[in-house]
Amino acid sequence: MRGSGVIVDESFGFEQETHLTVHKTSIFFSGDGFIVYDPKGEVIFRVESYGPDSQSNDELFLMNSSGKCLLTLHRKKPSLHQRWEGFVGEKMDGQEPSFSVHRSSIIGRSGRVVEVYGNPAEEYQIEGSFPQRSCTVSHISSDGSSKELVAQIKRKVDPTTNVMLGKDVFLICLKPGVDSAFIMGLVLVLDQMDGDDFDDLHEVGPTVEVLSS
């Protein structure tokens, strides 16, 4: 990833531009969880929710294919800005968050601010509509004068039929070196914040700041 590099683990960065396939599903309730496949069709991440009310969960766990927790995503309450905090691994008592996500305003369809605590300070911005599976994640230069695309969320097209698949199957397109576990963590937060009802394709989404500790 640009700047500080690894947020979760260096093994989740790819040397070349890579497309991951995300399937929104669950082994118990349709649409409750996620399974993420690498280009070879092997599971790289998964998220499971064990009930029909998964959208009200206050804590989510991003796991690898064997079930090891990579990220804990926790909804902070009370919070008018719908703040979520991300912790590397399984959250322990007293552990400081690695990043947080919150709306920039409590009024209307505001953007989201994502602060990632590390060294050096950095900033990322998400633009687009997650419910339409049309988002970009960009790295913002330290002076705020430019941005560089690092990841994109978009609809998937079946290569055999050339037909666009439903919104429950989509792609995460990653530039070389991008921490895919961190990006998938942002996808989980966007899914909780926006669901499938947020349809403004031109809305400016989360800004991601990596702050020095």
C-alpha atoms as a PDB file:
ATOM      1  CA  MET A   1       0.000   0.000   0.000  1.00  0.00           C
ATOM      2  CA  ARG A   2       1.130   3.549  -0.621  1.00  0.00           C
ATOM      3  CA  GLY A   3       2.863   5.325   2.249  1.00  0.00           C
ATOM      4  CA  SER A   4       3.135   3.380   5.502  1.00  0.00           C
ATOM      5  CA  GLY A   5       2.498   0.055   3.793  1.00  0.00           C
ATOM      6  CA  VAL A   6       1.113  -2.774   5.915  1.00  0.00           C
ATOM      7  CA  ILE A   7      -1.858  -2.268   8.215  1.00  0.00           C
ATOM      8  CA  VAL A   8      -2.921  -5.895   8.824  1.00  0.00           C
ATOM      9  CA  ASP A   9      -0.168  -8.106   7.338  1.00  0.00           C
ATOM     10  CA  GLU A  10       2.251  -7.816   4.431  1.00  0.00           C
ATOM     11  CA  SER A  11       1.085 -11.181   3.074  1.00  0.00           C
ATOM     12  CA  PHE A  12      -2.190  -9.543   2.004  1.00  0.00           C
ATOM     13  CA  GLY A  13      -0.455  -7.306  -0.504  1.00  0.00           C
ATOM     14  CA  PHE A  14       0.006  -8.552  -4.074  1.00  0.00           C
ATOM     15  CA  GLU A  15       2.971  -7.847  -6.342  1.00  0.00           C
ATOM     16  CA  GLN A  16       0.711  -7.248  -9.338  1.00  0.00           C
ATOM     17  CA  GLU A  17      -2.677  -5.645  -9.821  1.00  0.00           C
ATOM     18  CA  THR A  18      -5.171  -8.199  -8.473  1.00  0.00           C
ATOM     19  CA  HIS A  19      -8.938  -8.715  -8.594  1.00  0.00           C
ATOM     20  CA  LEU A  20     -10.636 -10.423  -5.648  1.00  0.00           C
ATOM     21  CA  THR A  21     -14.167 -11.787  -6.019  1.00  0.00           C
ATOM     22  CA  VAL A  22     -16.510 -11.040  -3.114  1.00  0.00           C
ATOM     23  CA  HIS A  23     -19.659 -13.095  -2.563  1.00  0.00           C
ATOM     24  CA  LYS A  24     -22.133 -11.685  -0.047  1.00  0.00           C
ATOM     25  CA  THR A  25     -23.588 -14.816   1.531  1.00  0.00           C
ATOM     26  CA  SER A  26     -23.611 -17.005   4.638  1.00  0.00           C
ATOM     27  CA  ILE A  27     -23.558 -20.696   5.421  1.00  0.00           C
ATOM     28  CA  PHE A  28     -26.726 -20.196   7.503  1.00  0.00           C
ATOM     29  CA  PHE A  29     -28.648 -17.149   6.274  1.00  0.00           C
ATOM     30  CA  SER A  30     -28.450 -15.840   2.731  1.00  0.00           C
ATOM     31  CA  GLY A  31     -26.850 -12.395   2.582  1.00  0.00           C
ATOM     32  CA  ASP A  32     -25.512 -12.384   6.155  1.00  0.00           C
ATOM     33  CA  GLY A  33     -21.806 -12.817   5.481  1.00  0.00           C
ATOM     34  CA  PHE A  34     -19.028 -12.578   2.921  1.00  0.00           C
ATOM     35  CA  ILE A  35     -16.654 -14.986   1.221  1.00  0.00           C
ATOM     36  CA  VAL A  36     -13.704 -13.502  -0.691  1.00  0.00           C
ATOM     37  CA  TYR A  37     -11.839 -15.466  -3.371  1.00  0.00           C
ATOM     38  CA  ASP A  38      -8.409 -14.822  -4.860  1.00  0.00           C
ATOM     39  CA  PRO A  39      -7.810 -15.029  -8.649  1.00  0.00           C
ATOM     40  CA  LYS A  40      -7.212 -18.805  -8.365  1.00  0.00           C
ATOM     41  CA  GLY A  41     -10.653 -19.308  -6.828  1.00  0.00           C
ATOM     42  CA  GLU A  42      -9.326 -20.038  -3.351  1.00  0.00           C
ATOM     43  CA  VAL A  43     -10.901 -18.462  -0.251  1.00  0.00           C
ATOM     44  CA  ILE A  44      -8.754 -15.654   1.154  1.00  0.00           C
ATOM     45  CA  PHE A  45     -11.215 -13.978   3.588  1.00  0.00           C
ATOM     46  CA  ARG A  46     -14.570 -14.759   5.111  1.00  0.00           C
ATOM     47  CA  VAL A  47     -17.116 -13.138   7.387  1.00  0.00           C
ATOM     48  CA  GLU A  48     -19.929 -15.124   8.964  1.00  0.00           C
ATOM     49  CA  SER A  49     -23.021 -13.904  10.828  1.00  0.00           C
ATOM     50  CA  TYR A  50     -25.107 -16.445  12.656  1.00  0.00           C
ATOM     51  CA  GLY A  51     -28.575 -14.936  12.512  1.00  0.00           C
ATOM     52  CA  PRO A  52     -31.116 -13.047  10.406  1.00  0.00           C
ATOM     53  CA  ASP A  53     -30.391  -9.719  12.152  1.00  0.00           C
ATOM     54  CA  SER A  54     -26.757  -9.407  11.114  1.00  0.00           C
ATOM     55  CA  GLN A  55     -27.181  -5.781   9.974  1.00  0.00           C
ATOM     56  CA  SER A  56     -27.675  -4.752  13.633  1.00  0.00           C
ATOM     57  CA  ASN A  57     -24.455  -6.424  14.803  1.00  0.00           C
ATOM     58  CA  ASP A  58     -22.110  -4.159  16.731  1.00  0.00           C
ATOM     59  CA  GLU A  59     -19.023  -6.310  16.116  1.00  0.00           C
ATOM     60  CA  LEU A  60     -17.811  -8.070  12.977  1.00  0.00           C
ATOM     61  CA  PHE A  61     -14.809 -10.317  12.429  1.00  0.00           C
ATOM     62  CA  LEU A  62     -12.804 -10.569   9.224  1.00  0.00           C
ATOM     63  CA  MET A  63     -11.193 -14.003   9.109  1.00  0.00           C
ATOM     64  CA  ASN A  64      -8.783 -15.818   6.851  1.00  0.00           C
ATOM     65  CA  SER A  65      -9.731 -19.086   5.128  1.00  0.00           C
ATOM     66  CA  SER A  66      -8.933 -21.161   8.235  1.00  0.00           C
ATOM     67  CA  GLY A  67     -11.005 -19.003  10.578  1.00  0.00           C
ATOM     68  CA  LYS A  68      -8.232 -16.917  12.177  1.00  0.00           C
ATOM     69  CA  CYS A  69      -9.448 -13.430  13.072  1.00  0.00           C
ATOM     70  CA  LEU A  70      -7.580 -10.765  11.100  1.00  0.00           C
ATOM     71  CA  LEU A  71      -9.664  -7.706  11.957  1.00  0.00           C
ATOM     72  CA  THR A  72     -12.292  -6.902  14.572  1.00  0.00           C
ATOM     73  CA  LEU A  73     -14.698  -4.148  13.524  1.00  0.00           C
ATOM     74  CA  HIS A  74     -16.586  -2.601  16.424  1.00  0.00           C
ATOM     75  CA  ARG A  75     -19.471  -0.129  16.301  1.00  0.00           C
ATOM     76  CA  LYS A  76     -18.828   2.550  18.917  1.00  0.00           C
ATOM     77  CA  LYS A  77     -21.889   3.708  20.876  1.00  0.00           C
ATOM     78  CA  PRO A  78     -23.259   6.229  21.364  1.00  0.00           C
ATOM     79  CA  SER A  79     -22.120   7.960  18.186  1.00  0.00           C
ATOM     80  CA  LEU A  80     -24.089  10.472  16.140  1.00  0.00           C
ATOM     81  CA  HIS A  81     -21.536  10.027  13.342  1.00  0.00           C
ATOM     82  CA  GLN A  82     -21.928   6.208  13.257  1.00  0.00           C
ATOM     83  CA  ARG A  83     -18.332   5.593  14.270  1.00  0.00           C
ATOM     84  CA  TRP A  84     -16.748   2.183  13.709  1.00  0.00           C
ATOM     85  CA  GLU A  85     -13.337   1.161  15.005  1.00  0.00           C
ATOM     86  CA  GLY A  86     -11.017  -1.464  13.523  1.00  0.00           C
ATOM     87  CA  PHE A  87      -8.618  -3.591  15.575  1.00  0.00           C
ATOM     88  CA  VAL A  88      -5.967  -5.870  14.106  1.00  0.00           C
ATOM     89  CA  GLY A  89      -6.637  -9.438  15.205  1.00  0.00           C
ATOM     90  CA  GLU A  90      -9.179 -10.368  17.851  1.00  0.00           C
ATOM     91  CA  LYS A  91      -9.897  -7.305  19.994  1.00  0.00           C
ATOM     92  CA  MET A  92      -8.368  -7.487  23.460  1.00  0.00           C
ATOM     93  CA  ASP A  93      -9.234  -5.467  26.559  1.00  0.00           C
ATOM     94  CA  GLY A  94      -7.392  -2.150  26.468  1.00  0.00           C
ATOM     95  CA  GLN A  95      -6.299  -2.557  22.840  1.00  0.00           C
ATOM     96  CA  GLU A  96      -6.132   0.673  20.860  1.00  0.00           C
ATOM     97  CA  PRO A  97      -7.906   0.747  17.470  1.00  0.00           C
ATOM     98  CA  SER A  98      -5.837   0.630  14.299  1.00  0.00           C
ATOM     99  CA  PHE A  99      -8.369   2.780  12.448  1.00  0.00           C
ATOM    100  CA  SER A 100     -11.805   4.338  12.798  1.00  0.00           C
ATOM    101  CA  VAL A 101     -14.561   5.181  10.337  1.00  0.00           C
ATOM    102  CA  HIS A 102     -17.284   7.767  10.847  1.00  0.00           C
ATOM    103  CA  ARG A 103     -19.570  10.060   8.918  1.00  0.00           C
ATOM    104  CA  SER A 104     -18.181  13.555   8.386  1.00  0.00           C
ATOM    105  CA  SER A 105     -21.575  15.046   9.279  1.00  0.00           C
ATOM    106  CA  ILE A 106     -24.705  13.867  11.079  1.00  0.00           C
ATOM    107  CA  ILE A 107     -26.848  15.712   8.507  1.00  0.00           C
ATOM    108  CA  GLY A 108     -27.866  14.125   5.208  1.00  0.00           C
ATOM    109  CA  ARG A 109     -25.809  11.807   3.042  1.00  0.00           C
ATOM    110  CA  SER A 110     -22.425  12.951   4.230  1.00  0.00           C
ATOM    111  CA  GLY A 111     -19.075  11.403   3.409  1.00  0.00           C
ATOM    112  CA  ARG A 112     -17.128   9.208   5.777  1.00  0.00           C
ATOM    113  CA  VAL A 113     -13.796   9.905   7.434  1.00  0.00           C
ATOM    114  CA  VAL A 114     -11.470   6.968   8.087  1.00  0.00           C
ATOM    115  CA  GLU A 115      -8.503   7.592  10.350  1.00  0.00           C
ATOM    116  CA  VAL A 116      -5.832   4.900  10.339  1.00  0.00           C
ATOM    117  CA  TYR A 117      -3.389   5.215  13.207  1.00  0.00           C
ATOM    118  CA  GLY A 118       0.178   4.565  12.131  1.00  0.00           C
ATOM    119  CA  ASN A 119       3.416   6.229  11.170  1.00  0.00           C
ATOM    120  CA  PRO A 120       3.722   8.271   8.992  1.00  0.00           C
ATOM    121  CA  ALA A 121       0.434  10.118   8.748  1.00  0.00           C
ATOM    122  CA  GLU A 122      -1.567   9.347   5.607  1.00  0.00           C
ATOM    123  CA  GLU A 123      -4.986   9.903   4.157  1.00  0.00           C
ATOM    124  CA  TYR A 124      -7.271   7.889   1.885  1.00  0.00           C
ATOM    125  CA  GLN A 125     -10.614   8.822   0.370  1.00  0.00           C
ATOM    126  CA  ILE A 126     -13.490   6.655  -0.817  1.00  0.00           C
ATOM    127  CA  GLU A 127     -15.783   8.011  -3.518  1.00  0.00           C
ATOM    128  CA  GLY A 128     -18.867   6.512  -5.121  1.00  0.00           C
ATOM    129  CA  SER A 129     -21.777   4.281  -4.124  1.00  0.00           C
ATOM    130  CA  PHE A 130     -21.186   1.023  -2.290  1.00  0.00           C
ATOM    131  CA  PRO A 131     -24.792  -0.214  -2.767  1.00  0.00           C
ATOM    132  CA  GLN A 132     -24.239   0.139  -6.532  1.00  0.00           C
ATOM    133  CA  ARG A 133     -20.819  -1.540  -6.130  1.00  0.00           C
ATOM    134  CA  SER A 134     -19.120   1.456  -7.686  1.00  0.00           C
ATOM    135  CA  CYS A 135     -16.455   2.877  -5.341  1.00  0.00           C
ATOM    136  CA  THR A 136     -12.852   3.976  -5.522  1.00  0.00           C
ATOM    137  CA  VAL A 137     -10.280   4.176  -2.731  1.00  0.00           C
ATOM    138  CA  SER A 138      -7.557   6.750  -3.313  1.00  0.00           C
ATOM    139  CA  HIS A 139      -4.411   7.708  -1.440  1.00  0.00           C
ATOM    140  CA  ILE A 140      -4.248  11.442  -0.753  1.00  0.00           C
ATOM    141  CA  SER A 141      -0.865  13.152  -0.852  1.00  0.00           C
ATOM    142  CA  SER A 142       0.440  14.670   2.380  1.00  0.00           C
ATOM    143  CA  ASP A 143      -0.297  18.200   1.179  1.00  0.00           C
ATOM    144  CA  GLY A 144      -3.753  17.230  -0.102  1.00  0.00           C
ATOM    145  CA  SER A 145      -2.961  18.364  -3.630  1.00  0.00           C
ATOM    146  CA  SER A 146      -3.303  15.001  -5.404  1.00  0.00           C
ATOM    147  CA  LYS A 147      -4.701  11.517  -5.054  1.00  0.00           C
ATOM    148  CA  GLU A 148      -3.748   8.093  -6.398  1.00  0.00           C
ATOM    149  CA  LEU A 149      -6.137   5.190  -6.934  1.00  0.00           C
ATOM    150  CA  VAL A 150      -5.263   2.157  -4.784  1.00  0.00           C
ATOM    151  CA  ALA A 151      -8.450   0.053  -4.941  1.00  0.00           C
ATOM    152  CA  GLN A 152     -11.810  -0.096  -6.671  1.00  0.00           C
ATOM    153  CA  ILE A 153     -15.092  -1.861  -5.925  1.00  0.00           C
ATOM    154  CA  LYS A 154     -17.116  -2.705  -9.017  1.00  0.00           C
ATOM    155  CA  ARG A 155     -19.710  -5.106 -10.415  1.00  0.00           C
ATOM    156  CA  LYS A 156     -18.501  -8.433 -11.802  1.00  0.00           C
ATOM    157  CA  VAL A 157     -19.209  -9.657 -15.316  1.00  0.00           C
ATOM    158  CA  ASP A 158     -19.478 -13.397 -15.990  1.00  0.00           C
ATOM    159  CA  PRO A 159     -16.643 -14.065 -18.489  1.00  0.00           C
ATOM    160  CA  THR A 160     -18.515 -16.975 -20.101  1.00  0.00           C
ATOM    161  CA  THR A 161     -21.791 -15.140 -20.791  1.00  0.00           C
ATOM    162  CA  ASN A 162     -20.645 -11.494 -20.653  1.00  0.00           C
ATOM    163  CA  VAL A 163     -23.576 -10.838 -18.308  1.00  0.00           C
ATOM    164  CA  MET A 164     -23.222  -8.568 -15.280  1.00  0.00           C
ATOM    165  CA  LEU A 165     -23.824 -10.508 -12.077  1.00  0.00           C
ATOM    166  CA  GLY A 166     -26.085  -9.387  -9.227  1.00  0.00           C
ATOM    167  CA  LYS A 167     -24.852  -7.044  -6.510  1.00  0.00           C
ATOM    168  CA  ASP A 168     -24.186  -9.964  -4.154  1.00  0.00           C
ATOM    169  CA  VAL A 169     -21.139 -10.826  -6.284  1.00  0.00           C
ATOM    170  CA  PHE A 170     -18.619  -8.054  -6.961  1.00  0.00           C
ATOM    171  CA  LEU A 171     -14.924  -7.321  -7.393  1.00  0.00           C
ATOM    172  CA  ILE A 172     -12.278  -5.606  -5.299  1.00  0.00           C
ATOM    173  CA  CYS A 173      -9.586  -4.433  -7.733  1.00  0.00           C
ATOM    174  CA  LEU A 174      -6.287  -3.808  -5.949  1.00  0.00           C
ATOM    175  CA  LYS A 175      -3.200  -1.960  -7.077  1.00  0.00           C
ATOM    176  CA  PRO A 176       0.167  -3.627  -6.316  1.00  0.00           C
ATOM    177  CA  GLY A 177       1.120  -3.624  -2.636  1.00  0.00           C
ATOM    178  CA  VAL A 178      -2.307  -2.624  -1.307  1.00  0.00           C
ATOM    179  CA  ASP A 179      -3.283  -4.278   1.979  1.00  0.00           C
ATOM    180  CA  SER A 180      -6.307  -6.290   0.829  1.00  0.00           C
ATOM    181  CA  ALA A 181      -7.385  -7.192   4.390  1.00  0.00           C
ATOM    182  CA  PHE A 182      -7.645  -3.503   5.290  1.00  0.00           C
ATOM    183  CA  ILE A 183      -9.620  -2.752   2.116  1.00  0.00           C
ATOM    184  CA  MET A 184     -11.991  -5.644   2.890  1.00  0.00           C
ATOM    185  CA  GLY A 185     -12.409  -4.195   6.383  1.00  0.00           C
ATOM    186  CA  LEU A 186     -13.552  -0.933   4.790  1.00  0.00           C
ATOM    187  CA  VAL A 187     -16.015  -2.908   2.644  1.00  0.00           C
ATOM    188  CA  LEU A 188     -17.571  -4.396   5.786  1.00  0.00           C
ATOM    189  CA  VAL A 189     -17.976  -0.959   7.353  1.00  0.00           C
ATOM    190  CA  LEU A 190     -19.488   0.464   4.158  1.00  0.00           C
ATOM    191  CA  ASP A 191     -21.931  -2.442   4.071  1.00  0.00           C
ATOM    192  CA  GLN A 192     -23.031  -1.648   7.628  1.00  0.00           C
ATOM    193  CA  MET A 193     -23.243   2.126   7.070  1.00  0.00           C
ATOM    194  CA  ASP A 194     -24.856   2.169   3.635  1.00  0.00           C
ATOM    195  CA  GLY A 195     -26.492  -1.225   3.200  1.00  0.00           C
ATOM    196  CA  ASP A 196     -28.237  -1.502  -0.173  1.00  0.00           C
ATOM    197  CA  ASP A 197     -30.316   1.663   0.138  1.00  0.00           C
ATOM    198  CA  PHE A 198     -27.704   4.330  -0.575  1.00  0.00           C
ATOM    199  CA  ASP A 199     -27.922   4.941  -4.322  1.00  0.00           C
ATOM    200  CA  ASP A 200     -26.170   8.248  -4.997  1.00  0.00           C
ATOM    201  CA  LEU A 201     -23.372   7.335  -7.405  1.00  0.00           C
ATOM    202  CA  HIS A 202     -21.757  10.750  -7.033  1.00  0.00           C
ATOM    203  CA  GLU A 203     -21.602  10.879  -3.262  1.00  0.00           C
ATOM    204  CA  VAL A 204     -18.126  11.454  -1.792  1.00  0.00           C
ATOM    205  CA  GLY A 205     -17.368   8.664   0.607  1.00  0.00           C
ATOM    206  CA  PRO A 206     -14.940   8.123   3.462  1.00  0.00           C
ATOM    207  CA  THR A 207     -11.680   9.981   3.753  1.00  0.00           C
ATOM    208  CA  VAL A 208      -8.961   7.737   5.189  1.00  0.00           C
ATOM    209  CA  GLU A 209      -6.264   9.324   7.303  1.00  0.00           C
ATOM    210  CA  VAL A 210      -3.249   7.388   8.582  1.00  0.00           C
ATOM    211  CA  LEU A 211      -2.074   9.347  11.605  1.00  0.00           C
ATOM    212  CA  SER A 212       1.255   9.204  13.365  1.00  0.00           C
ATOM    213  CA  SER A 213       1.023   7.504  16.741  1.00  0.00           C
END
